Amino acid sequence: MSYQCVDTYQKIFVSSIEEIYDIIQKYKAFHNLPRKVADGEPLLDVFYRGQSDCEWGITPSLLRWNVNEAEHIQTYAPKEPLSLFETVADIQHYHQKTRFIDFTMNPNVAIYFACSEHQDKDGAFYIYSYAPHKPEWHTTVILTELVRIQNEDEMSVEEFSQEILKHHPELSVQFSSEKELHGTIMSFLDHGFMVLPDSENYGNNLRLQRQAGCFFVCGVVFPQLKISEKSLQRKIKRRIGRSVERNIEGLLVFKSREKSI
């Protein structure tokens, strides 16, 4: 099946990296991406993810491991002051599994991850269009606060609002009433959204910076994201992987922030 210019989920098998680049261009042209507002900030953009086994769903790593994220947040001690979003991003890339799902703005990075492991499996390269949020927006601040909730806790929206205002009293001036805050929380609490960091949010997270990284921040319901998928057949993964590695050599794989590139 070749790429069709229709607004629906498609699974496409490709046999070369040129096919992937061609599909990306057609996808962006059909959806008119990226779309930006007057100051150049993205209004709607395209994001990519690579997985080395096309049978895997797109779910946060938190679900695949027995991790208590609230306890980890409480005990984590970054070397410098970080916002909660930056803290979770740091944990995601250097320490532990979280509710964040890694995406990238660089298609070569996603292709690399689709081809770098599991050579006996077909890889998957995903394209996803979304209107991204910023880390400092109140929507991101609110949703990220979910990481503080213990796994066994049951909490109403009203109680969650109180916890948010306890950690972020400045948000109280953005809402005319608690009811308005409750409605805002409920509008995105289930599904989550994409968050696009900028240079200020990257900080010392070299992995996030070098990989042009961004995150889908999950809400209380962890989604199986349905996005356009390009399946990379196992027989060509090594060839495509070597090809794209030449474009991003020294960009991706390092185990700690101290290791030089």
C-alpha atoms as a PDB file:
ATOM      1  CA  MET A   1       0.000   0.000   0.000  1.00  0.00           C
ATOM      2  CA  SER A   2       1.348   3.425  -0.940  1.00  0.00           C
ATOM      3  CA  TYR A   3       0.632   6.639   0.949  1.00  0.00           C
ATOM      4  CA  GLN A   4      -2.802   8.082   0.250  1.00  0.00           C
ATOM      5  CA  CYS A   5      -3.533  11.774   0.795  1.00  0.00           C
ATOM      6  CA  VAL A   6      -6.447  11.158   3.151  1.00  0.00           C
ATOM      7  CA  ASP A   7      -6.875  12.084   6.789  1.00  0.00           C
ATOM      8  CA  THR A   8      -6.906   8.604   8.294  1.00  0.00           C
ATOM      9  CA  TYR A   9      -4.576   6.086   9.918  1.00  0.00           C
ATOM     10  CA  GLN A  10      -2.448   4.252   7.340  1.00  0.00           C
ATOM     11  CA  LYS A  11       0.023   1.379   7.628  1.00  0.00           C
ATOM     12  CA  ILE A  12       2.500   1.395   4.762  1.00  0.00           C
ATOM     13  CA  PHE A  13       5.398  -0.988   4.037  1.00  0.00           C
ATOM     14  CA  VAL A  14       8.496   0.694   2.634  1.00  0.00           C
ATOM     15  CA  SER A  15      11.653  -0.705   1.103  1.00  0.00           C
ATOM     16  CA  SER A  16      13.994   2.302   1.073  1.00  0.00           C
ATOM     17  CA  ILE A  17      14.813   5.432   3.006  1.00  0.00           C
ATOM     18  CA  GLU A  18      13.905   7.470  -0.079  1.00  0.00           C
ATOM     19  CA  GLU A  19      10.339   6.190   0.218  1.00  0.00           C
ATOM     20  CA  ILE A  20      10.191   7.414   3.801  1.00  0.00           C
ATOM     21  CA  TYR A  21      11.407  10.895   2.876  1.00  0.00           C
ATOM     22  CA  ASP A  22       8.926  11.019  -0.007  1.00  0.00           C
ATOM     23  CA  ILE A  23       6.027  10.066   2.278  1.00  0.00           C
ATOM     24  CA  ILE A  24       7.077  12.699   4.811  1.00  0.00           C
ATOM     25  CA  GLN A  25       6.978  15.405   2.147  1.00  0.00           C
ATOM     26  CA  LYS A  26       3.581  14.261   0.877  1.00  0.00           C
ATOM     27  CA  TYR A  27       2.201  14.065   4.419  1.00  0.00           C
ATOM     28  CA  LYS A  28       3.408  17.574   5.272  1.00  0.00           C
ATOM     29  CA  ALA A  29       2.101  19.001   2.015  1.00  0.00           C
ATOM     30  CA  PHE A  30      -1.329  17.376   2.408  1.00  0.00           C
ATOM     31  CA  HIS A  31      -1.712  18.579   6.008  1.00  0.00           C
ATOM     32  CA  ASN A  32      -0.084  21.968   5.274  1.00  0.00           C
ATOM     33  CA  LEU A  33       2.621  21.487   7.913  1.00  0.00           C
ATOM     34  CA  PRO A  34       4.122  23.149   9.717  1.00  0.00           C
ATOM     35  CA  ARG A  35       1.578  25.871  10.450  1.00  0.00           C
ATOM     36  CA  LYS A  36       2.873  28.771  12.486  1.00  0.00           C
ATOM     37  CA  VAL A  37       1.453  31.886  14.110  1.00  0.00           C
ATOM     38  CA  ALA A  38       2.761  35.389  13.529  1.00  0.00           C
ATOM     39  CA  ASP A  39       5.695  35.126  15.945  1.00  0.00           C
ATOM     40  CA  GLY A  40       6.920  31.907  14.332  1.00  0.00           C
ATOM     41  CA  GLU A  41       5.749  29.569  17.062  1.00  0.00           C
ATOM     42  CA  PRO A  42       4.246  26.283  15.806  1.00  0.00           C
ATOM     43  CA  LEU A  43       0.467  26.159  15.699  1.00  0.00           C
ATOM     44  CA  LEU A  44       0.394  22.682  14.179  1.00  0.00           C
ATOM     45  CA  ASP A  45       3.459  20.610  13.445  1.00  0.00           C
ATOM     46  CA  VAL A  46       4.656  17.133  12.556  1.00  0.00           C
ATOM     47  CA  PHE A  47       6.313  14.747  15.011  1.00  0.00           C
ATOM     48  CA  TYR A  48       8.068  11.426  14.537  1.00  0.00           C
ATOM     49  CA  ARG A  49       8.719   8.256  16.520  1.00  0.00           C
ATOM     50  CA  GLY A  50      10.681   5.113  15.673  1.00  0.00           C
ATOM     51  CA  GLN A  51      10.263   1.678  17.249  1.00  0.00           C
ATOM     52  CA  SER A  52      12.386  -1.339  16.350  1.00  0.00           C
ATOM     53  CA  ASP A  53       9.437  -3.757  16.548  1.00  0.00           C
ATOM     54  CA  CYS A  54       6.296  -2.778  14.636  1.00  0.00           C
ATOM     55  CA  GLU A  55       4.185  -5.017  16.892  1.00  0.00           C
ATOM     56  CA  TRP A  56       4.718  -2.761  19.887  1.00  0.00           C
ATOM     57  CA  GLY A  57       2.017  -0.254  20.729  1.00  0.00           C
ATOM     58  CA  ILE A  58       2.824   3.368  21.473  1.00  0.00           C
ATOM     59  CA  THR A  59       2.504   3.458  25.233  1.00  0.00           C
ATOM     60  CA  PRO A  60       4.563   5.083  28.010  1.00  0.00           C
ATOM     61  CA  SER A  61       7.450   3.037  29.375  1.00  0.00           C
ATOM     62  CA  LEU A  62       5.863   3.403  32.807  1.00  0.00           C
ATOM     63  CA  LEU A  63       3.339   0.732  31.834  1.00  0.00           C
ATOM     64  CA  ARG A  64       6.020  -1.793  30.906  1.00  0.00           C
ATOM     65  CA  TRP A  65       7.873  -1.581  34.217  1.00  0.00           C
ATOM     66  CA  ASN A  66       6.859  -1.708  37.858  1.00  0.00           C
ATOM     67  CA  VAL A  67       7.639   1.928  38.622  1.00  0.00           C
ATOM     68  CA  ASN A  68       6.236   4.200  41.311  1.00  0.00           C
ATOM     69  CA  GLU A  69       6.745   7.559  39.660  1.00  0.00           C
ATOM     70  CA  ALA A  70       5.554   9.566  42.669  1.00  0.00           C
ATOM     71  CA  GLU A  71       8.190   8.025  44.929  1.00  0.00           C
ATOM     72  CA  HIS A  72      10.873   8.536  42.323  1.00  0.00           C
ATOM     73  CA  ILE A  73       9.961  12.216  41.946  1.00  0.00           C
ATOM     74  CA  GLN A  74      10.115  12.684  45.735  1.00  0.00           C
ATOM     75  CA  THR A  75      13.573  11.140  46.042  1.00  0.00           C
ATOM     76  CA  TYR A  76      15.131  12.499  42.861  1.00  0.00           C
ATOM     77  CA  ALA A  77      17.687  15.225  43.485  1.00  0.00           C
ATOM     78  CA  PRO A  78      18.764  17.059  40.306  1.00  0.00           C
ATOM     79  CA  LYS A  79      22.083  18.862  40.326  1.00  0.00           C
ATOM     80  CA  GLU A  80      20.385  22.162  39.524  1.00  0.00           C
ATOM     81  CA  PRO A  81      16.892  23.636  40.035  1.00  0.00           C
ATOM     82  CA  LEU A  82      14.420  22.249  37.487  1.00  0.00           C
ATOM     83  CA  SER A  83      10.721  22.647  36.889  1.00  0.00           C
ATOM     84  CA  LEU A  84       8.629  19.540  37.394  1.00  0.00           C
ATOM     85  CA  PHE A  85       8.393  19.068  33.616  1.00  0.00           C
ATOM     86  CA  GLU A  86      12.174  19.358  33.251  1.00  0.00           C
ATOM     87  CA  THR A  87      12.633  16.954  36.150  1.00  0.00           C
ATOM     88  CA  VAL A  88      10.451  14.283  34.548  1.00  0.00           C
ATOM     89  CA  ALA A  89      12.215  14.798  31.201  1.00  0.00           C
ATOM     90  CA  ASP A  90      15.565  14.345  32.936  1.00  0.00           C
ATOM     91  CA  ILE A  91      14.360  11.180  34.671  1.00  0.00           C
ATOM     92  CA  GLN A  92      12.937   9.840  31.408  1.00  0.00           C
ATOM     93  CA  HIS A  93      16.252  10.089  29.575  1.00  0.00           C
ATOM     94  CA  TYR A  94      18.763   9.271  32.295  1.00  0.00           C
ATOM     95  CA  HIS A  95      17.228   7.393  35.199  1.00  0.00           C
ATOM     96  CA  GLN A  96      13.788   5.778  35.122  1.00  0.00           C
ATOM     97  CA  LYS A  97      10.584   5.112  33.171  1.00  0.00           C
ATOM     98  CA  THR A  98       7.870   7.799  33.179  1.00  0.00           C
ATOM     99  CA  ARG A  99       4.466   8.686  31.694  1.00  0.00           C
ATOM    100  CA  PHE A 100       6.191  10.726  28.959  1.00  0.00           C
ATOM    101  CA  ILE A 101       6.381   9.194  25.463  1.00  0.00           C
ATOM    102  CA  ASP A 102       9.405  10.265  23.420  1.00  0.00           C
ATOM    103  CA  PHE A 103       8.879  11.847  20.020  1.00  0.00           C
ATOM    104  CA  THR A 104      11.230  13.919  17.881  1.00  0.00           C
ATOM    105  CA  MET A 105      11.117  16.756  15.367  1.00  0.00           C
ATOM    106  CA  ASN A 106      13.925  15.113  13.360  1.00  0.00           C
ATOM    107  CA  PRO A 107      12.770  12.216  11.146  1.00  0.00           C
ATOM    108  CA  ASN A 108      16.326  10.814  10.964  1.00  0.00           C
ATOM    109  CA  VAL A 109      16.310  10.305  14.722  1.00  0.00           C
ATOM    110  CA  ALA A 110      13.073   8.324  14.534  1.00  0.00           C
ATOM    111  CA  ILE A 111      14.347   6.267  11.587  1.00  0.00           C
ATOM    112  CA  TYR A 112      17.486   5.477  13.572  1.00  0.00           C
ATOM    113  CA  PHE A 113      15.512   4.107  16.488  1.00  0.00           C
ATOM    114  CA  ALA A 114      13.308   2.106  14.123  1.00  0.00           C
ATOM    115  CA  CYS A 115      16.381   0.381  12.706  1.00  0.00           C
ATOM    116  CA  SER A 116      18.892   0.242  15.573  1.00  0.00           C
ATOM    117  CA  GLU A 117      17.704  -2.936  17.348  1.00  0.00           C
ATOM    118  CA  HIS A 118      15.744  -6.180  16.886  1.00  0.00           C
ATOM    119  CA  GLN A 119      17.056  -6.938  13.430  1.00  0.00           C
ATOM    120  CA  ASP A 120      14.782  -9.995  13.253  1.00  0.00           C
ATOM    121  CA  LYS A 121      11.686  -7.775  13.500  1.00  0.00           C
ATOM    122  CA  ASP A 122      10.038  -5.260  11.202  1.00  0.00           C
ATOM    123  CA  GLY A 123      10.567  -1.743  12.516  1.00  0.00           C
ATOM    124  CA  ALA A 124       8.018   1.076  12.602  1.00  0.00           C
ATOM    125  CA  PHE A 125       8.342   4.769  11.806  1.00  0.00           C
ATOM    126  CA  TYR A 126       5.432   6.939  12.916  1.00  0.00           C
ATOM    127  CA  ILE A 127       4.290  10.365  11.760  1.00  0.00           C
ATOM    128  CA  TYR A 128       1.977  12.365  14.006  1.00  0.00           C
ATOM    129  CA  SER A 129       0.578  15.881  13.579  1.00  0.00           C
ATOM    130  CA  TYR A 130      -0.371  17.823  16.683  1.00  0.00           C
ATOM    131  CA  ALA A 131      -0.821  21.330  18.041  1.00  0.00           C
ATOM    132  CA  PRO A 132       1.966  21.329  20.636  1.00  0.00           C
ATOM    133  CA  HIS A 133       1.858  22.882  24.074  1.00  0.00           C
ATOM    134  CA  LYS A 134       4.793  24.626  25.739  1.00  0.00           C
ATOM    135  CA  PRO A 135       6.352  23.401  29.004  1.00  0.00           C
ATOM    136  CA  GLU A 136       5.512  26.662  30.798  1.00  0.00           C
ATOM    137  CA  TRP A 137       1.834  26.715  29.797  1.00  0.00           C
ATOM    138  CA  HIS A 138      -0.627  26.074  32.607  1.00  0.00           C
ATOM    139  CA  THR A 139      -1.947  23.034  30.717  1.00  0.00           C
ATOM    140  CA  THR A 140       1.478  21.368  30.854  1.00  0.00           C
ATOM    141  CA  VAL A 141       2.047  22.418  34.448  1.00  0.00           C
ATOM    142  CA  ILE A 142      -1.300  20.907  35.469  1.00  0.00           C
ATOM    143  CA  LEU A 143      -0.930  17.628  33.570  1.00  0.00           C
ATOM    144  CA  THR A 144       2.636  17.064  34.743  1.00  0.00           C
ATOM    145  CA  GLU A 145       1.418  17.262  38.349  1.00  0.00           C
ATOM    146  CA  LEU A 146      -0.084  13.783  37.855  1.00  0.00           C
ATOM    147  CA  VAL A 147       3.383  12.349  38.513  1.00  0.00           C
ATOM    148  CA  ARG A 148       3.096  13.321  42.190  1.00  0.00           C
ATOM    149  CA  ILE A 149       0.037  11.109  42.740  1.00  0.00           C
ATOM    150  CA  GLN A 150       0.746   7.741  44.322  1.00  0.00           C
ATOM    151  CA  ASN A 151      -0.310   4.699  42.275  1.00  0.00           C
ATOM    152  CA  GLU A 152      -2.855   3.593  44.833  1.00  0.00           C
ATOM    153  CA  ASP A 153      -4.395   7.016  45.389  1.00  0.00           C
ATOM    154  CA  GLU A 154      -7.950   7.793  44.348  1.00  0.00           C
ATOM    155  CA  MET A 155      -8.448  11.500  43.889  1.00  0.00           C
ATOM    156  CA  SER A 156     -11.334  13.634  42.674  1.00  0.00           C
ATOM    157  CA  VAL A 157     -10.809  16.496  40.248  1.00  0.00           C
ATOM    158  CA  GLU A 158     -11.524  18.896  43.110  1.00  0.00           C
ATOM    159  CA  GLU A 159      -8.817  17.304  45.258  1.00  0.00           C
ATOM    160  CA  PHE A 160      -6.400  17.323  42.343  1.00  0.00           C
ATOM    161  CA  SER A 161      -7.129  21.047  41.852  1.00  0.00           C
ATOM    162  CA  GLN A 162      -6.223  21.702  45.460  1.00  0.00           C
ATOM    163  CA  GLU A 163      -2.941  19.816  45.058  1.00  0.00           C
ATOM    164  CA  ILE A 164      -2.127  21.820  41.947  1.00  0.00           C
ATOM    165  CA  LEU A 165      -2.769  25.144  43.680  1.00  0.00           C
ATOM    166  CA  LYS A 166      -0.675  24.014  46.626  1.00  0.00           C
ATOM    167  CA  HIS A 167       2.339  23.596  44.350  1.00  0.00           C
ATOM    168  CA  HIS A 168       1.430  26.428  41.956  1.00  0.00           C
ATOM    169  CA  PRO A 169      -0.506  29.157  43.787  1.00  0.00           C
ATOM    170  CA  GLU A 170       0.189  31.524  40.888  1.00  0.00           C
ATOM    171  CA  LEU A 171      -2.365  29.601  38.812  1.00  0.00           C
ATOM    172  CA  SER A 172      -5.203  30.876  40.973  1.00  0.00           C
ATOM    173  CA  VAL A 173      -5.099  34.256  39.209  1.00  0.00           C
ATOM    174  CA  GLN A 174      -5.638  32.614  35.783  1.00  0.00           C
ATOM    175  CA  PHE A 175      -9.065  31.221  36.691  1.00  0.00           C
ATOM    176  CA  SER A 176     -12.114  33.147  37.834  1.00  0.00           C
ATOM    177  CA  SER A 177     -13.239  30.280  40.072  1.00  0.00           C
ATOM    178  CA  GLU A 178     -12.316  26.756  41.158  1.00  0.00           C
ATOM    179  CA  LYS A 179     -15.098  25.512  38.904  1.00  0.00           C
ATOM    180  CA  GLU A 180     -13.320  27.001  35.897  1.00  0.00           C
ATOM    181  CA  LEU A 181     -10.089  25.288  36.945  1.00  0.00           C
ATOM    182  CA  HIS A 182     -11.961  21.978  37.317  1.00  0.00           C
ATOM    183  CA  GLY A 183     -13.385  22.327  33.821  1.00  0.00           C
ATOM    184  CA  THR A 184      -9.944  23.090  32.381  1.00  0.00           C
ATOM    185  CA  ILE A 185      -8.468  20.012  34.028  1.00  0.00           C
ATOM    186  CA  MET A 186     -11.251  17.748  32.800  1.00  0.00           C
ATOM    187  CA  SER A 187     -10.856  19.007  29.211  1.00  0.00           C
ATOM    188  CA  PHE A 188      -7.498  17.257  28.776  1.00  0.00           C
ATOM    189  CA  LEU A 189      -7.010  15.023  31.827  1.00  0.00           C
ATOM    190  CA  ASP A 190      -7.860  11.791  30.016  1.00  0.00           C
ATOM    191  CA  HIS A 191      -6.013  12.043  26.741  1.00  0.00           C
ATOM    192  CA  GLY A 192      -2.918  14.197  27.304  1.00  0.00           C
ATOM    193  CA  PHE A 193      -1.087  16.191  24.603  1.00  0.00           C
ATOM    194  CA  MET A 194       2.237  16.875  22.898  1.00  0.00           C
ATOM    195  CA  VAL A 195       4.693  19.209  24.615  1.00  0.00           C
ATOM    196  CA  LEU A 196       7.473  20.839  22.603  1.00  0.00           C
ATOM    197  CA  PRO A 197      10.429  22.142  24.641  1.00  0.00           C
ATOM    198  CA  ASP A 198      12.535  25.034  23.436  1.00  0.00           C
ATOM    199  CA  SER A 199      16.210  25.768  24.038  1.00  0.00           C
ATOM    200  CA  GLU A 200      15.519  27.137  27.519  1.00  0.00           C
ATOM    201  CA  ASN A 201      13.780  23.921  28.574  1.00  0.00           C
ATOM    202  CA  TYR A 202      16.529  21.635  27.290  1.00  0.00           C
ATOM    203  CA  GLY A 203      18.908  22.799  29.998  1.00  0.00           C
ATOM    204  CA  ASN A 204      21.670  20.240  30.466  1.00  0.00           C
ATOM    205  CA  ASN A 205      19.571  17.430  28.991  1.00  0.00           C
ATOM    206  CA  LEU A 206      21.939  16.778  26.104  1.00  0.00           C
ATOM    207  CA  ARG A 207      20.017  13.749  24.926  1.00  0.00           C
ATOM    208  CA  LEU A 208      16.802  15.742  24.561  1.00  0.00           C
ATOM    209  CA  GLN A 209      18.655  18.557  22.803  1.00  0.00           C
ATOM    210  CA  ARG A 210      20.681  16.412  20.383  1.00  0.00           C
ATOM    211  CA  GLN A 211      17.687  14.254  19.475  1.00  0.00           C
ATOM    212  CA  ALA A 212      15.411  17.269  18.861  1.00  0.00           C
ATOM    213  CA  GLY A 213      13.202  15.617  21.442  1.00  0.00           C
ATOM    214  CA  CYS A 214       9.662  16.331  22.562  1.00  0.00           C
ATOM    215  CA  PHE A 215       7.085  14.400  24.572  1.00  0.00           C
ATOM    216  CA  PHE A 216       3.531  13.208  24.472  1.00  0.00           C
ATOM    217  CA  VAL A 217       2.505  13.727  28.106  1.00  0.00           C
ATOM    218  CA  CYS A 218      -0.095  11.149  29.066  1.00  0.00           C
ATOM    219  CA  GLY A 219      -3.110  11.895  31.210  1.00  0.00           C
ATOM    220  CA  VAL A 220      -4.891   9.450  33.505  1.00  0.00           C
ATOM    221  CA  VAL A 221      -5.800   7.177  30.578  1.00  0.00           C
ATOM    222  CA  PHE A 222      -2.721   5.869  28.782  1.00  0.00           C
ATOM    223  CA  PRO A 223      -3.556   5.925  25.071  1.00  0.00           C
ATOM    224  CA  GLN A 224      -2.733   3.618  22.218  1.00  0.00           C
ATOM    225  CA  LEU A 225      -1.934   6.405  19.777  1.00  0.00           C
ATOM    226  CA  LYS A 226      -3.221   5.829  16.252  1.00  0.00           C
ATOM    227  CA  ILE A 227      -1.009   7.688  13.827  1.00  0.00           C
ATOM    228  CA  SER A 228       0.346   7.120  10.334  1.00  0.00           C
ATOM    229  CA  GLU A 229       2.782   4.205  10.405  1.00  0.00           C
ATOM    230  CA  LYS A 230       5.507   3.223   7.960  1.00  0.00           C
ATOM    231  CA  SER A 231       6.659  -0.371   8.514  1.00  0.00           C
ATOM    232  CA  LEU A 232      10.336  -0.982   7.765  1.00  0.00           C
ATOM    233  CA  GLN A 233      10.790  -4.597   6.711  1.00  0.00           C
ATOM    234  CA  ARG A 234      13.476  -6.440   8.671  1.00  0.00           C
ATOM    235  CA  LYS A 235      15.535  -7.271   5.554  1.00  0.00           C
ATOM    236  CA  ILE A 236      16.241  -3.567   4.909  1.00  0.00           C
ATOM    237  CA  LYS A 237      16.601  -2.301   8.497  1.00  0.00           C
ATOM    238  CA  ARG A 238      20.385  -2.611   8.561  1.00  0.00           C
ATOM    239  CA  ARG A 239      20.757  -0.826   5.225  1.00  0.00           C
ATOM    240  CA  ILE A 240      18.436   2.029   6.183  1.00  0.00           C
ATOM    241  CA  GLY A 241      19.980   2.230   9.641  1.00  0.00           C
ATOM    242  CA  ARG A 242      23.480   2.615   8.193  1.00  0.00           C
ATOM    243  CA  SER A 243      22.239   5.218   5.719  1.00  0.00           C
ATOM    244  CA  VAL A 244      20.570   7.438   8.293  1.00  0.00           C
ATOM    245  CA  GLU A 245      23.378   6.923  10.802  1.00  0.00           C
ATOM    246  CA  ARG A 246      25.709   8.796   8.450  1.00  0.00           C
ATOM    247  CA  ASN A 247      23.423  11.825   8.746  1.00  0.00           C
ATOM    248  CA  ILE A 248      23.237  11.781  12.535  1.00  0.00           C
ATOM    249  CA  GLU A 249      26.546  10.204  13.523  1.00  0.00           C
ATOM    250  CA  GLY A 250      27.514  11.222  17.036  1.00  0.00           C
ATOM    251  CA  LEU A 251      24.022  12.572  17.653  1.00  0.00           C
ATOM    252  CA  LEU A 252      22.139   9.847  19.420  1.00  0.00           C
ATOM    253  CA  VAL A 253      23.698   7.163  21.527  1.00  0.00           C
ATOM    254  CA  PHE A 254      25.470   7.999  24.730  1.00  0.00           C
ATOM    255  CA  LYS A 255      24.816   6.623  28.188  1.00  0.00           C
ATOM    256  CA  SER A 256      25.310   9.610  30.424  1.00  0.00           C
ATOM    257  CA  ARG A 257      25.369  13.381  30.264  1.00  0.00           C
ATOM    258  CA  GLU A 258      29.070  13.347  31.106  1.00  0.00           C
ATOM    259  CA  LYS A 259      30.065  11.434  27.965  1.00  0.00           C
ATOM    260  CA  SER A 260      31.253  13.773  25.223  1.00  0.00           C
ATOM    261  CA  ILE A 261      29.922  13.721  21.685  1.00  0.00           C
END
